[in-house]
Structures are given as C-alpha cells and as structure tokens.
Amino acid sequence: MAGENQTRVTEFMLLGFSHGQPFLFVLFLVIYLVTLLGNFAILALVSLDPHLHNPMYFFLRHLSFLDICYSSVTVPKILANVLRSQATISYCGCLVQMFFLMACAGAECALLAVMAYDRYAAICQPLHYVHTMSQGVCTVAAAGCWLWGMLDSAVHTLLVSKLSFCGAAHLQHIFCDAPPLLRAACSNTHPVEVALHAASFFVGLSPFLFVIISYLRILAAVLGMPVAAGQHKAFSTCSAHLLVVTLYFVTANLNYNRPSTGYSPVADTVVSALYCIVTPMLNPLIYSLRNQEKFHHLHLQRLIRKQSHSVKITPELTVFTPSLTSPQENTEQEG
C-alpha cells in the first residue's frame, strides 16, 4: 500500500507563494544577480591573477563556485514558480533539487571549517604554514568537502525517496528540502528524522564549533599585536567573517533541528531563504571586504602594465592586516 501511495505522487505543489508574487520575483531576481556577479568576479580575479594563487584564495574560489551552485539549485525554479498561477515541481525534480541543495549545504559547512583552519594555521602556526597548507593538502581538503556533502546528501535523498505521500502532495515551502517533505509524508518518518538530526550535528554543528574555536584562537593571537590599528582592523575582519558564518550555521541548524511544536510555514520559509539564498550573496561581500584595496591595486597594476612595460608594482598580499601576512605570501612578496 505504501508503494501504491508513493507512485500516485507525480508532482508536489509548493504553497510558499501565496502573496506578493511581483515583489518576490524582483527580490529573488536581484539577490540572484548580485550573487552571480559577486561570485563570478571573485572566480575570475583569483583564477587569472597568479599573485592570488595561495591557500586563502584557493578556498575562496571554491566557496564562490559553491555559492553559485547553491543559489542556482533553488532560485531559478523559484523565479519560474512565482510567475505561475500554481507553483509545482515534479516528484523526481523535487528529489534532485533536495539532493543538490543538501550536497551544497554539507560541502559549504565543511569548507567554512577548512577556511577557518587555514587562517588559524597562517596566524597561530606561521612556521609550519607552508607545509601544513601545501598545494596537495589544499586540493585534498577541497575535494573532501565536496565528497562529504554529496555522501551526506545521497543518504538523506535515498531515505526520503522511500517515504509514501498520500493524497494531495502539498509542501508548505518555496523549494524542496528534507523538513517539508517529512511533514508531507504519510508513512513513518522517525528513522529519517533520526538520521537527519544526527547528520545535522556532524555536518552542521561540529564544523560551526570548529570555526568558533579557530577564530577565538586567532583573536587571542591578535591581542598580542603591538599595533592598536592592526588590532582594530583584525577584529573588524574577524567580526565580519563570524557574522556571516554564524548566520549561515544558525539558520541551517534551525531548519533541520526545529521542533515540530509551534511550527510556522512563514518562519520556516524565511529561515531557509536566509541560509540558501541570502548567505551566498553575502559571502563574496564579506570575505573580500578587507581585500578591496588589494583587488583595486592589482587591477591598477594590470592597467599600468598594458600602457607601459617599464612600470612594475608589487602587490601586498595580506590575510587580515599588513602585520598578519601569511608565511607563504611573505615568500611571494620577497621573491
């Protein structure tokens, strides 16, 4: 009977678009365009400029590509559904969207933890940084993040695909994700819920705690800096990074660990939009905020080189402040 009920479901109706369709279309379109513009700009700059071929920008490039994928999994379908009288998605399309959404979420959690460790190694263990974050280590770490997210997502997608959906398959959401699918199922969801909560701890909460500890160690090292101006700049940079990381991890964990009592579809939609749609837009702004002078400097260097081969400007590559330059970047500068 369960299999019968499941085969009757060919599509889901998304009920998160009841009001304000024109406004939502413009809002999501602007967010998506800003996300693509910011992340593609970072991808192009880091890929084309050899001065930015170091661990920090290697991981930033992966984060930008991941955020492009993250937004593209949900936003184009959201824009199409906003323009329709009935927002629907096929059963197979729903599972595919959930798979890539959770894969991006798991990969981003792991990547943010790796990026935090990279900054910790550069500041707190400078003598071992070149060996700790070698090219091989960075490549394996980045590949591990992607693999981690895909494996976690594959398990959850397989478990959700075994659920039965009876009658009208309505999802109180704007895209397909595990929590709204569990609420819409008419079969026993307890095993899937247990697996989801366990995964949210290892995939979401553990990396968040690791990021917090890494930045606390960095801030402790910054306190020993003799220059007050450097301390202020480092604190502001760390605060900006922690703000966007906390926004992502807190909203993601709320989405997957929210208690069933007091459930609100509107609150659930807002929380999901924050970590799936808004955070990918904020990441390029926050992570490149303290490097704007460097980016402008490198752009100016290219313009001058085009006009005169006799002019040479050596860019300064910094991590947080000029006094917090990583050992690998110092070697490049001296060369």
C-alpha atoms as a PDB file:
ATOM      1  CA  MET A   1       0.000   0.000   0.000  1.00  0.00           C
ATOM      2  CA  ALA A   2       2.854   2.362   0.816  1.00  0.00           C
ATOM      3  CA  GLY A   3       4.380   1.806  -2.601  1.00  0.00           C
ATOM      4  CA  GLU A   4       0.978   2.378  -4.195  1.00  0.00           C
ATOM      5  CA  ASN A   5       0.552   5.668  -2.428  1.00  0.00           C
ATOM      6  CA  GLN A   6       4.006   6.792  -3.363  1.00  0.00           C
ATOM      7  CA  THR A   7       3.546   6.055  -7.080  1.00  0.00           C
ATOM      8  CA  ARG A   8       0.436   8.243  -7.177  1.00  0.00           C
ATOM      9  CA  VAL A   9       2.545  11.318  -6.456  1.00  0.00           C
ATOM     10  CA  THR A  10       3.898  12.739  -9.697  1.00  0.00           C
ATOM     11  CA  GLU A  11       4.416  16.305  -8.517  1.00  0.00           C
ATOM     12  CA  PHE A  12       4.366  18.499  -5.436  1.00  0.00           C
ATOM     13  CA  MET A  13       2.543  21.778  -5.085  1.00  0.00           C
ATOM     14  CA  LEU A  14       4.619  24.459  -3.357  1.00  0.00           C
ATOM     15  CA  LEU A  15       2.457  26.661  -1.153  1.00  0.00           C
ATOM     16  CA  GLY A  16       5.021  29.268  -0.176  1.00  0.00           C
ATOM     17  CA  PHE A  17       3.965  31.746  -2.893  1.00  0.00           C
ATOM     18  CA  SER A  18       0.520  32.773  -1.700  1.00  0.00           C
ATOM     19  CA  HIS A  19       1.118  36.539  -1.537  1.00  0.00           C
ATOM     20  CA  GLY A  20       3.325  39.227  -3.063  1.00  0.00           C
ATOM     21  CA  GLN A  21       4.410  37.436  -6.236  1.00  0.00           C
ATOM     22  CA  PRO A  22       5.668  40.531  -8.143  1.00  0.00           C
ATOM     23  CA  PHE A  23       7.659  41.735  -5.150  1.00  0.00           C
ATOM     24  CA  LEU A  24       9.107  38.265  -4.517  1.00  0.00           C
ATOM     25  CA  PHE A  25      10.100  37.915  -8.163  1.00  0.00           C
ATOM     26  CA  VAL A  26      12.020  41.204  -8.150  1.00  0.00           C
ATOM     27  CA  LEU A  27      13.577  40.463  -4.749  1.00  0.00           C
ATOM     28  CA  PHE A  28      14.821  36.985  -5.655  1.00  0.00           C
ATOM     29  CA  LEU A  29      15.977  38.133  -9.090  1.00  0.00           C
ATOM     30  CA  VAL A  30      18.068  40.969  -7.622  1.00  0.00           C
ATOM     31  CA  ILE A  31      19.569  38.680  -4.977  1.00  0.00           C
ATOM     32  CA  TYR A  32      20.406  36.057  -7.590  1.00  0.00           C
ATOM     33  CA  LEU A  33      22.029  38.547  -9.966  1.00  0.00           C
ATOM     34  CA  VAL A  34      24.104  40.076  -7.160  1.00  0.00           C
ATOM     35  CA  THR A  35      25.150  36.580  -6.069  1.00  0.00           C
ATOM     36  CA  LEU A  36      26.246  35.613  -9.574  1.00  0.00           C
ATOM     37  CA  LEU A  37      28.043  38.908 -10.194  1.00  0.00           C
ATOM     38  CA  GLY A  38      29.976  38.872  -6.919  1.00  0.00           C
ATOM     39  CA  ASN A  39      30.996  35.231  -7.028  1.00  0.00           C
ATOM     40  CA  PHE A  40      31.894  35.186 -10.729  1.00  0.00           C
ATOM     41  CA  ALA A  41      34.034  38.305 -10.167  1.00  0.00           C
ATOM     42  CA  ILE A  42      35.978  36.546  -7.409  1.00  0.00           C
ATOM     43  CA  LEU A  43      36.333  33.406  -9.532  1.00  0.00           C
ATOM     44  CA  ALA A  44      37.709  35.384 -12.464  1.00  0.00           C
ATOM     45  CA  LEU A  45      40.097  37.511 -10.421  1.00  0.00           C
ATOM     46  CA  VAL A  46      41.526  34.669  -8.349  1.00  0.00           C
ATOM     47  CA  SER A  47      41.859  32.349 -11.351  1.00  0.00           C
ATOM     48  CA  LEU A  48      43.532  34.860 -13.660  1.00  0.00           C
ATOM     49  CA  ASP A  49      45.917  36.585 -11.249  1.00  0.00           C
ATOM     50  CA  PRO A  50      48.956  34.471 -10.226  1.00  0.00           C
ATOM     51  CA  HIS A  51      49.525  36.670  -7.165  1.00  0.00           C
ATOM     52  CA  LEU A  52      46.324  35.253  -5.672  1.00  0.00           C
ATOM     53  CA  HIS A  53      47.300  31.606  -6.091  1.00  0.00           C
ATOM     54  CA  ASN A  54      47.648  30.805  -2.399  1.00  0.00           C
ATOM     55  CA  PRO A  55      45.586  28.714   0.060  1.00  0.00           C
ATOM     56  CA  MET A  56      43.292  31.503   1.241  1.00  0.00           C
ATOM     57  CA  TYR A  57      42.183  32.430  -2.270  1.00  0.00           C
ATOM     58  CA  PHE A  58      42.165  28.800  -3.386  1.00  0.00           C
ATOM     59  CA  PHE A  59      39.451  28.071  -0.827  1.00  0.00           C
ATOM     60  CA  LEU A  60      37.708  31.383  -1.536  1.00  0.00           C
ATOM     61  CA  ARG A  61      37.469  30.353  -5.189  1.00  0.00           C
ATOM     62  CA  HIS A  62      35.843  27.068  -4.183  1.00  0.00           C
ATOM     63  CA  LEU A  63      33.453  28.935  -1.884  1.00  0.00           C
ATOM     64  CA  SER A  64      32.437  31.256  -4.714  1.00  0.00           C
ATOM     65  CA  PHE A  65      31.795  28.363  -7.092  1.00  0.00           C
ATOM     66  CA  LEU A  66      29.864  26.560  -4.358  1.00  0.00           C
ATOM     67  CA  ASP A  67      27.697  29.620  -3.698  1.00  0.00           C
ATOM     68  CA  ILE A  68      26.894  29.894  -7.409  1.00  0.00           C
ATOM     69  CA  CYS A  69      25.751  26.268  -7.380  1.00  0.00           C
ATOM     70  CA  TYR A  70      23.901  26.791  -4.100  1.00  0.00           C
ATOM     71  CA  SER A  71      21.815  29.656  -5.467  1.00  0.00           C
ATOM     72  CA  SER A  72      21.283  28.067  -8.870  1.00  0.00           C
ATOM     73  CA  VAL A  73      19.751  24.954  -7.302  1.00  0.00           C
ATOM     74  CA  THR A  74      16.756  26.869  -5.939  1.00  0.00           C
ATOM     75  CA  VAL A  75      16.424  30.442  -7.232  1.00  0.00           C
ATOM     76  CA  PRO A  76      15.750  29.812 -10.978  1.00  0.00           C
ATOM     77  CA  LYS A  77      12.945  27.392 -10.108  1.00  0.00           C
ATOM     78  CA  ILE A  78      11.608  29.864  -7.532  1.00  0.00           C
ATOM     79  CA  LEU A  79      11.541  32.626 -10.165  1.00  0.00           C
ATOM     80  CA  ALA A  80       9.690  30.359 -12.598  1.00  0.00           C
ATOM     81  CA  ASN A  81       7.135  29.341  -9.955  1.00  0.00           C
ATOM     82  CA  VAL A  82       6.494  32.922  -8.843  1.00  0.00           C
ATOM     83  CA  LEU A  83       5.299  33.745 -12.368  1.00  0.00           C
ATOM     84  CA  ARG A  84       2.913  30.791 -12.463  1.00  0.00           C
ATOM     85  CA  SER A  85      -0.580  30.584 -11.010  1.00  0.00           C
ATOM     86  CA  GLN A  86       0.309  27.265  -9.381  1.00  0.00           C
ATOM     87  CA  ALA A  87       3.838  26.606  -8.145  1.00  0.00           C
ATOM     88  CA  THR A  88       4.653  22.953  -8.775  1.00  0.00           C
ATOM     89  CA  ILE A  89       7.663  20.683  -9.085  1.00  0.00           C
ATOM     90  CA  SER A  90       7.784  17.090 -10.292  1.00  0.00           C
ATOM     91  CA  TYR A  91       8.477  14.271  -7.845  1.00  0.00           C
ATOM     92  CA  CYS A  92      11.818  13.410  -9.460  1.00  0.00           C
ATOM     93  CA  GLY A  93      12.684  17.089  -9.808  1.00  0.00           C
ATOM     94  CA  CYS A  94      11.969  17.573  -6.125  1.00  0.00           C
ATOM     95  CA  LEU A  95      14.341  14.777  -5.098  1.00  0.00           C
ATOM     96  CA  VAL A  96      17.043  16.063  -7.462  1.00  0.00           C
ATOM     97  CA  GLN A  97      16.693  19.582  -6.066  1.00  0.00           C
ATOM     98  CA  MET A  98      16.878  18.268  -2.500  1.00  0.00           C
ATOM     99  CA  PHE A  99      19.985  16.215  -3.308  1.00  0.00           C
ATOM    100  CA  PHE A 100      21.953  19.133  -4.754  1.00  0.00           C
ATOM    101  CA  LEU A 101      20.679  21.514  -2.073  1.00  0.00           C
ATOM    102  CA  MET A 102      21.837  19.282   0.781  1.00  0.00           C
ATOM    103  CA  ALA A 103      25.081  18.475  -1.055  1.00  0.00           C
ATOM    104  CA  CYS A 104      25.893  22.182  -1.316  1.00  0.00           C
ATOM    105  CA  ALA A 105      24.910  22.719   2.320  1.00  0.00           C
ATOM    106  CA  GLY A 106      27.155  19.932   3.594  1.00  0.00           C
ATOM    107  CA  ALA A 107      30.066  20.976   1.376  1.00  0.00           C
ATOM    108  CA  GLU A 108      29.795  24.605   2.495  1.00  0.00           C
ATOM    109  CA  CYS A 109      29.778  23.645   6.180  1.00  0.00           C
ATOM    110  CA  ALA A 110      32.975  21.651   5.704  1.00  0.00           C
ATOM    111  CA  LEU A 111      34.597  24.317   3.510  1.00  0.00           C
ATOM    112  CA  LEU A 112      33.945  27.100   6.025  1.00  0.00           C
ATOM    113  CA  ALA A 113      35.640  24.977   8.689  1.00  0.00           C
ATOM    114  CA  VAL A 114      38.641  24.372   6.418  1.00  0.00           C
ATOM    115  CA  MET A 115      38.909  28.094   5.637  1.00  0.00           C
ATOM    116  CA  ALA A 116      38.861  28.901   9.353  1.00  0.00           C
ATOM    117  CA  TYR A 117      41.656  26.390   9.954  1.00  0.00           C
ATOM    118  CA  ASP A 118      43.677  27.896   7.105  1.00  0.00           C
ATOM    119  CA  ARG A 119      43.527  31.313   8.773  1.00  0.00           C
ATOM    120  CA  TYR A 120      44.340  29.758  12.138  1.00  0.00           C
ATOM    121  CA  ALA A 121      47.392  27.997  10.690  1.00  0.00           C
ATOM    122  CA  ALA A 122      48.584  31.184   8.985  1.00  0.00           C
ATOM    123  CA  ILE A 123      48.322  33.306  12.142  1.00  0.00           C
ATOM    124  CA  CYS A 124      48.986  30.911  15.009  1.00  0.00           C
ATOM    125  CA  GLN A 125      51.378  28.434  13.356  1.00  0.00           C
ATOM    126  CA  PRO A 126      53.290  30.535  10.822  1.00  0.00           C
ATOM    127  CA  LEU A 127      56.479  28.437  10.897  1.00  0.00           C
ATOM    128  CA  HIS A 128      54.621  25.324   9.762  1.00  0.00           C
ATOM    129  CA  TYR A 129      52.110  27.031   7.479  1.00  0.00           C
ATOM    130  CA  VAL A 130      53.811  26.273   4.159  1.00  0.00           C
ATOM    131  CA  HIS A 131      53.883  22.554   4.935  1.00  0.00           C
ATOM    132  CA  THR A 132      50.535  22.428   6.747  1.00  0.00           C
ATOM    133  CA  MET A 133      48.651  24.067   3.881  1.00  0.00           C
ATOM    134  CA  SER A 134      50.625  22.788   0.904  1.00  0.00           C
ATOM    135  CA  GLN A 135      49.046  22.568  -2.528  1.00  0.00           C
ATOM    136  CA  GLY A 136      48.387  18.857  -2.114  1.00  0.00           C
ATOM    137  CA  VAL A 137      46.758  19.323   1.284  1.00  0.00           C
ATOM    138  CA  CYS A 138      44.535  22.117  -0.037  1.00  0.00           C
ATOM    139  CA  THR A 139      43.436  20.045  -3.029  1.00  0.00           C
ATOM    140  CA  VAL A 140      42.579  17.036  -0.863  1.00  0.00           C
ATOM    141  CA  ALA A 141      40.744  19.254   1.655  1.00  0.00           C
ATOM    142  CA  ALA A 142      38.637  20.920  -1.047  1.00  0.00           C
ATOM    143  CA  ALA A 143      37.807  17.592  -2.700  1.00  0.00           C
ATOM    144  CA  GLY A 144      36.931  16.153   0.704  1.00  0.00           C
ATOM    145  CA  CYS A 145      34.448  18.969   1.324  1.00  0.00           C
ATOM    146  CA  TRP A 146      32.616  18.258  -1.930  1.00  0.00           C
ATOM    147  CA  LEU A 147      32.639  14.494  -1.337  1.00  0.00           C
ATOM    148  CA  TRP A 148      31.438  14.939   2.246  1.00  0.00           C
ATOM    149  CA  GLY A 149      28.452  16.990   1.124  1.00  0.00           C
ATOM    150  CA  MET A 150      27.486  14.592  -1.663  1.00  0.00           C
ATOM    151  CA  LEU A 151      27.677  11.474   0.507  1.00  0.00           C
ATOM    152  CA  ASP A 152      25.575  13.058   3.244  1.00  0.00           C
ATOM    153  CA  SER A 153      23.028  14.257   0.702  1.00  0.00           C
ATOM    154  CA  ALA A 154      22.869  10.890  -1.062  1.00  0.00           C
ATOM    155  CA  VAL A 155      21.961   9.122   2.187  1.00  0.00           C
ATOM    156  CA  HIS A 156      19.155  11.558   3.005  1.00  0.00           C
ATOM    157  CA  THR A 157      17.785  11.608  -0.532  1.00  0.00           C
ATOM    158  CA  LEU A 158      17.650   7.812  -0.556  1.00  0.00           C
ATOM    159  CA  LEU A 159      15.830   7.740   2.795  1.00  0.00           C
ATOM    160  CA  VAL A 160      13.299  10.381   1.712  1.00  0.00           C
ATOM    161  CA  SER A 161      12.658   8.558  -1.574  1.00  0.00           C
ATOM    162  CA  LYS A 162      11.394   5.575   0.441  1.00  0.00           C
ATOM    163  CA  LEU A 163       8.633   7.648   2.078  1.00  0.00           C
ATOM    164  CA  SER A 164       4.998   7.496   0.975  1.00  0.00           C
ATOM    165  CA  PHE A 165       2.952  10.584   0.105  1.00  0.00           C
ATOM    166  CA  CYS A 166      -0.826  10.205   0.191  1.00  0.00           C
ATOM    167  CA  GLY A 167      -3.478  12.335  -1.459  1.00  0.00           C
ATOM    168  CA  ALA A 168      -2.624  15.906  -2.424  1.00  0.00           C
ATOM    169  CA  ALA A 169       1.137  16.384  -2.064  1.00  0.00           C
ATOM    170  CA  HIS A 170       1.394  19.927  -0.733  1.00  0.00           C
ATOM    171  CA  LEU A 171       4.668  21.382   0.556  1.00  0.00           C
ATOM    172  CA  GLN A 172       4.495  24.457   2.780  1.00  0.00           C
ATOM    173  CA  HIS A 173       7.693  25.796   1.277  1.00  0.00           C
ATOM    174  CA  ILE A 174       9.215  27.575  -1.727  1.00  0.00           C
ATOM    175  CA  PHE A 175      11.561  24.730  -2.718  1.00  0.00           C
ATOM    176  CA  CYS A 176      12.136  21.051  -1.950  1.00  0.00           C
ATOM    177  CA  ASP A 177      14.042  20.228   1.216  1.00  0.00           C
ATOM    178  CA  ALA A 178      14.010  17.371   3.706  1.00  0.00           C
ATOM    179  CA  PRO A 179      11.952  19.007   6.523  1.00  0.00           C
ATOM    180  CA  PRO A 180       8.895  19.971   4.399  1.00  0.00           C
ATOM    181  CA  LEU A 181       8.981  16.573   2.679  1.00  0.00           C
ATOM    182  CA  LEU A 182       8.956  14.825   6.055  1.00  0.00           C
ATOM    183  CA  ARG A 183       5.951  16.878   7.137  1.00  0.00           C
ATOM    184  CA  ALA A 184       4.088  15.976   3.938  1.00  0.00           C
ATOM    185  CA  ALA A 185       4.775  12.231   4.173  1.00  0.00           C
ATOM    186  CA  CYS A 186       2.076   9.847   5.403  1.00  0.00           C
ATOM    187  CA  SER A 187       4.423   6.958   6.254  1.00  0.00           C
ATOM    188  CA  ASN A 188       6.680   6.527   9.287  1.00  0.00           C
ATOM    189  CA  THR A 189       9.289   9.301   9.193  1.00  0.00           C
ATOM    190  CA  HIS A 190      11.009   8.559  12.512  1.00  0.00           C
ATOM    191  CA  PRO A 191      14.082   6.776  11.036  1.00  0.00           C
ATOM    192  CA  VAL A 192      14.607   9.612   8.561  1.00  0.00           C
ATOM    193  CA  GLU A 193      14.234  12.234  11.299  1.00  0.00           C
ATOM    194  CA  VAL A 194      16.798  10.461  13.490  1.00  0.00           C
ATOM    195  CA  ALA A 195      19.251  10.302  10.587  1.00  0.00           C
ATOM    196  CA  LEU A 196      18.615  13.961   9.766  1.00  0.00           C
ATOM    197  CA  HIS A 197      19.252  15.120  13.340  1.00  0.00           C
ATOM    198  CA  ALA A 198      22.404  13.012  13.608  1.00  0.00           C
ATOM    199  CA  ALA A 199      23.732  14.354  10.319  1.00  0.00           C
ATOM    200  CA  SER A 200      22.929  17.938  11.288  1.00  0.00           C
ATOM    201  CA  PHE A 201      25.194  17.514  14.319  1.00  0.00           C
ATOM    202  CA  PHE A 202      28.157  16.083  12.417  1.00  0.00           C
ATOM    203  CA  VAL A 203      27.686  18.097   9.223  1.00  0.00           C
ATOM    204  CA  GLY A 204      26.397  21.365  10.689  1.00  0.00           C
ATOM    205  CA  LEU A 205      27.058  21.830  14.391  1.00  0.00           C
ATOM    206  CA  SER A 206      30.540  20.276  14.586  1.00  0.00           C
ATOM    207  CA  PRO A 207      32.037  22.478  11.826  1.00  0.00           C
ATOM    208  CA  PHE A 208      30.419  25.534  13.419  1.00  0.00           C
ATOM    209  CA  LEU A 209      32.058  24.791  16.776  1.00  0.00           C
ATOM    210  CA  PHE A 210      35.361  24.237  14.969  1.00  0.00           C
ATOM    211  CA  VAL A 211      35.037  27.617  13.234  1.00  0.00           C
ATOM    212  CA  ILE A 212      34.277  29.380  16.527  1.00  0.00           C
ATOM    213  CA  ILE A 213      37.278  27.789  18.261  1.00  0.00           C
ATOM    214  CA  SER A 214      39.577  28.662  15.348  1.00  0.00           C
ATOM    215  CA  TYR A 215      38.537  32.317  15.339  1.00  0.00           C
ATOM    216  CA  LEU A 216      38.852  32.540  19.121  1.00  0.00           C
ATOM    217  CA  ARG A 217      42.440  31.322  18.800  1.00  0.00           C
ATOM    218  CA  ILE A 218      43.038  33.876  16.050  1.00  0.00           C
ATOM    219  CA  LEU A 219      41.597  36.681  18.177  1.00  0.00           C
ATOM    220  CA  ALA A 220      43.799  35.598  21.077  1.00  0.00           C
ATOM    221  CA  ALA A 221      46.831  35.887  18.797  1.00  0.00           C
ATOM    222  CA  VAL A 222      45.653  39.288  17.572  1.00  0.00           C
ATOM    223  CA  LEU A 223      45.529  40.562  21.146  1.00  0.00           C
ATOM    224  CA  GLY A 224      49.299  40.173  21.247  1.00  0.00           C
ATOM    225  CA  MET A 225      49.776  42.528  18.330  1.00  0.00           C
ATOM    226  CA  PRO A 226      51.687  45.677  19.303  1.00  0.00           C
ATOM    227  CA  VAL A 227      49.859  47.985  16.876  1.00  0.00           C
ATOM    228  CA  ALA A 228      46.408  49.125  18.002  1.00  0.00           C
ATOM    229  CA  ALA A 229      45.333  49.959  14.447  1.00  0.00           C
ATOM    230  CA  GLY A 230      46.181  46.440  13.361  1.00  0.00           C
ATOM    231  CA  GLN A 231      44.150  45.042  16.240  1.00  0.00           C
ATOM    232  CA  HIS A 232      41.131  47.133  15.260  1.00  0.00           C
ATOM    233  CA  LYS A 233      41.286  46.064  11.620  1.00  0.00           C
ATOM    234  CA  ALA A 234      41.760  42.404  12.531  1.00  0.00           C
ATOM    235  CA  PHE A 235      38.861  42.495  14.984  1.00  0.00           C
ATOM    236  CA  SER A 236      36.564  44.096  12.415  1.00  0.00           C
ATOM    237  CA  THR A 237      37.537  41.491   9.811  1.00  0.00           C
ATOM    238  CA  CYS A 238      37.064  38.568  12.205  1.00  0.00           C
ATOM    239  CA  SER A 239      33.727  40.009  13.303  1.00  0.00           C
ATOM    240  CA  ALA A 240      32.519  40.268   9.703  1.00  0.00           C
ATOM    241  CA  HIS A 241      33.563  36.686   8.977  1.00  0.00           C
ATOM    242  CA  LEU A 242      31.968  35.381  12.170  1.00  0.00           C
ATOM    243  CA  LEU A 243      28.759  37.278  11.444  1.00  0.00           C
ATOM    244  CA  VAL A 244      28.133  35.647   8.065  1.00  0.00           C
ATOM    245  CA  VAL A 245      29.312  32.219   9.282  1.00  0.00           C
ATOM    246  CA  THR A 246      27.029  32.408  12.319  1.00  0.00           C
ATOM    247  CA  LEU A 247      24.097  33.496  10.154  1.00  0.00           C
ATOM    248  CA  TYR A 248      24.625  30.503   7.884  1.00  0.00           C
ATOM    249  CA  PHE A 249      25.163  27.846  10.545  1.00  0.00           C
ATOM    250  CA  VAL A 250      22.445  29.039  12.922  1.00  0.00           C
ATOM    251  CA  THR A 251      19.755  29.285  10.241  1.00  0.00           C
ATOM    252  CA  ALA A 252      20.774  25.953   8.684  1.00  0.00           C
ATOM    253  CA  ASN A 253      20.680  24.161  12.041  1.00  0.00           C
ATOM    254  CA  LEU A 254      17.347  25.776  12.882  1.00  0.00           C
ATOM    255  CA  ASN A 255      15.961  24.498   9.605  1.00  0.00           C
ATOM    256  CA  TYR A 256      16.943  20.883  10.231  1.00  0.00           C
ATOM    257  CA  ASN A 257      16.516  20.751  14.022  1.00  0.00           C
ATOM    258  CA  ARG A 258      13.439  22.863  14.620  1.00  0.00           C
ATOM    259  CA  PRO A 259      10.888  21.228  16.979  1.00  0.00           C
ATOM    260  CA  SER A 260       7.541  20.288  15.458  1.00  0.00           C
ATOM    261  CA  THR A 261       5.636  22.249  18.115  1.00  0.00           C
ATOM    262  CA  GLY A 262       4.958  25.860  17.204  1.00  0.00           C
ATOM    263  CA  TYR A 263       5.772  25.297  13.534  1.00  0.00           C
ATOM    264  CA  SER A 264       5.229  28.334  11.304  1.00  0.00           C
ATOM    265  CA  PRO A 265       5.403  27.994   7.486  1.00  0.00           C
ATOM    266  CA  VAL A 266       6.361  31.658   7.107  1.00  0.00           C
ATOM    267  CA  ALA A 267       9.189  31.422   9.642  1.00  0.00           C
ATOM    268  CA  ASP A 268      10.382  28.190   8.046  1.00  0.00           C
ATOM    269  CA  THR A 269      10.488  29.823   4.613  1.00  0.00           C
ATOM    270  CA  VAL A 270      12.378  32.864   5.907  1.00  0.00           C
ATOM    271  CA  VAL A 271      14.947  30.743   7.747  1.00  0.00           C
ATOM    272  CA  SER A 272      15.508  28.567   4.673  1.00  0.00           C
ATOM    273  CA  ALA A 273      15.863  31.597   2.405  1.00  0.00           C
ATOM    274  CA  LEU A 274      18.486  33.099   4.719  1.00  0.00           C
ATOM    275  CA  TYR A 275      20.921  30.208   4.530  1.00  0.00           C
ATOM    276  CA  CYS A 276      20.147  29.047   0.964  1.00  0.00           C
ATOM    277  CA  ILE A 277      19.725  32.346  -0.860  1.00  0.00           C
ATOM    278  CA  VAL A 278      20.930  35.312   1.219  1.00  0.00           C
ATOM    279  CA  THR A 279      24.189  33.851   2.578  1.00  0.00           C
ATOM    280  CA  PRO A 280      25.606  33.029  -0.900  1.00  0.00           C
ATOM    281  CA  MET A 281      25.068  36.699  -1.761  1.00  0.00           C
ATOM    282  CA  LEU A 282      26.808  37.923   1.409  1.00  0.00           C
ATOM    283  CA  ASN A 283      29.859  35.635   1.240  1.00  0.00           C
ATOM    284  CA  PRO A 284      31.703  37.417  -1.606  1.00  0.00           C
ATOM    285  CA  LEU A 285      30.979  40.784   0.002  1.00  0.00           C
ATOM    286  CA  ILE A 286      32.218  39.762   3.451  1.00  0.00           C
ATOM    287  CA  TYR A 287      35.201  37.588   2.537  1.00  0.00           C
ATOM    288  CA  SER A 288      36.582  40.116   0.050  1.00  0.00           C
ATOM    289  CA  LEU A 289      35.682  43.177   2.126  1.00  0.00           C
ATOM    290  CA  ARG A 290      39.149  43.549   3.668  1.00  0.00           C
ATOM    291  CA  ASN A 291      40.848  42.798   0.364  1.00  0.00           C
ATOM    292  CA  GLN A 292      39.254  45.559  -1.699  1.00  0.00           C
ATOM    293  CA  GLU A 293      42.399  47.689  -1.606  1.00  0.00           C
ATOM    294  CA  LYS A 294      44.397  44.707  -2.810  1.00  0.00           C
ATOM    295  CA  PHE A 295      41.956  43.955  -5.623  1.00  0.00           C
ATOM    296  CA  HIS A 296      41.990  47.590  -6.744  1.00  0.00           C
ATOM    297  CA  HIS A 297      45.786  47.597  -6.507  1.00  0.00           C
ATOM    298  CA  LEU A 298      46.070  44.518  -8.708  1.00  0.00           C
ATOM    299  CA  HIS A 299      43.594  45.951 -11.203  1.00  0.00           C
ATOM    300  CA  LEU A 300      45.611  49.179 -11.349  1.00  0.00           C
ATOM    301  CA  GLN A 301      48.745  47.126 -11.889  1.00  0.00           C
ATOM    302  CA  ARG A 302      47.247  45.460 -14.955  1.00  0.00           C
ATOM    303  CA  LEU A 303      46.189  48.788 -16.434  1.00  0.00           C
ATOM    304  CA  ILE A 304      49.650  50.256 -15.972  1.00  0.00           C
ATOM    305  CA  ARG A 305      51.326  47.181 -17.431  1.00  0.00           C
ATOM    306  CA  LYS A 306      49.183  47.460 -20.547  1.00  0.00           C
ATOM    307  CA  GLN A 307      50.352  51.030 -21.115  1.00  0.00           C
ATOM    308  CA  SER A 308      53.963  50.756 -20.040  1.00  0.00           C
ATOM    309  CA  HIS A 309      56.157  47.678 -19.623  1.00  0.00           C
ATOM    310  CA  SER A 310      58.657  49.740 -17.661  1.00  0.00           C
ATOM    311  CA  VAL A 311      56.360  50.214 -14.661  1.00  0.00           C
ATOM    312  CA  LYS A 312      56.129  47.403 -12.102  1.00  0.00           C
ATOM    313  CA  ILE A 313      54.049  47.402  -8.957  1.00  0.00           C
ATOM    314  CA  THR A 314      54.394  44.600  -6.421  1.00  0.00           C
ATOM    315  CA  PRO A 315      51.074  43.914  -4.696  1.00  0.00           C
ATOM    316  CA  GLU A 316      50.865  43.345  -0.977  1.00  0.00           C
ATOM    317  CA  LEU A 317      49.000  40.171  -0.148  1.00  0.00           C
ATOM    318  CA  THR A 318      47.505  40.304   3.307  1.00  0.00           C
ATOM    319  CA  VAL A 319      45.370  37.983   5.364  1.00  0.00           C
ATOM    320  CA  PHE A 320      43.695  40.344   7.775  1.00  0.00           C
ATOM    321  CA  THR A 321      46.112  43.263   8.124  1.00  0.00           C
ATOM    322  CA  PRO A 322      49.593  44.054   6.756  1.00  0.00           C
ATOM    323  CA  SER A 323      51.027  42.692  10.019  1.00  0.00           C
ATOM    324  CA  LEU A 324      49.122  39.435   9.601  1.00  0.00           C
ATOM    325  CA  THR A 325      50.585  38.347   6.279  1.00  0.00           C
ATOM    326  CA  SER A 326      50.805  34.587   5.950  1.00  0.00           C
ATOM    327  CA  PRO A 327      54.247  32.979   5.577  1.00  0.00           C
ATOM    328  CA  GLN A 328      53.561  31.754   2.060  1.00  0.00           C
ATOM    329  CA  GLU A 329      52.508  35.230   0.970  1.00  0.00           C
ATOM    330  CA  ASN A 330      55.628  36.728   2.562  1.00  0.00           C
ATOM    331  CA  THR A 331      57.753  34.379   0.462  1.00  0.00           C
ATOM    332  CA  GLU A 332      55.960  35.509  -2.693  1.00  0.00           C
ATOM    333  CA  GLN A 333      56.491  39.155  -1.825  1.00  0.00           C
ATOM    334  CA  GLU A 334      60.200  38.709  -1.139  1.00  0.00           C
ATOM    335  CA  GLY A 335      60.571  36.824  -4.432  1.00  0.00           C
END
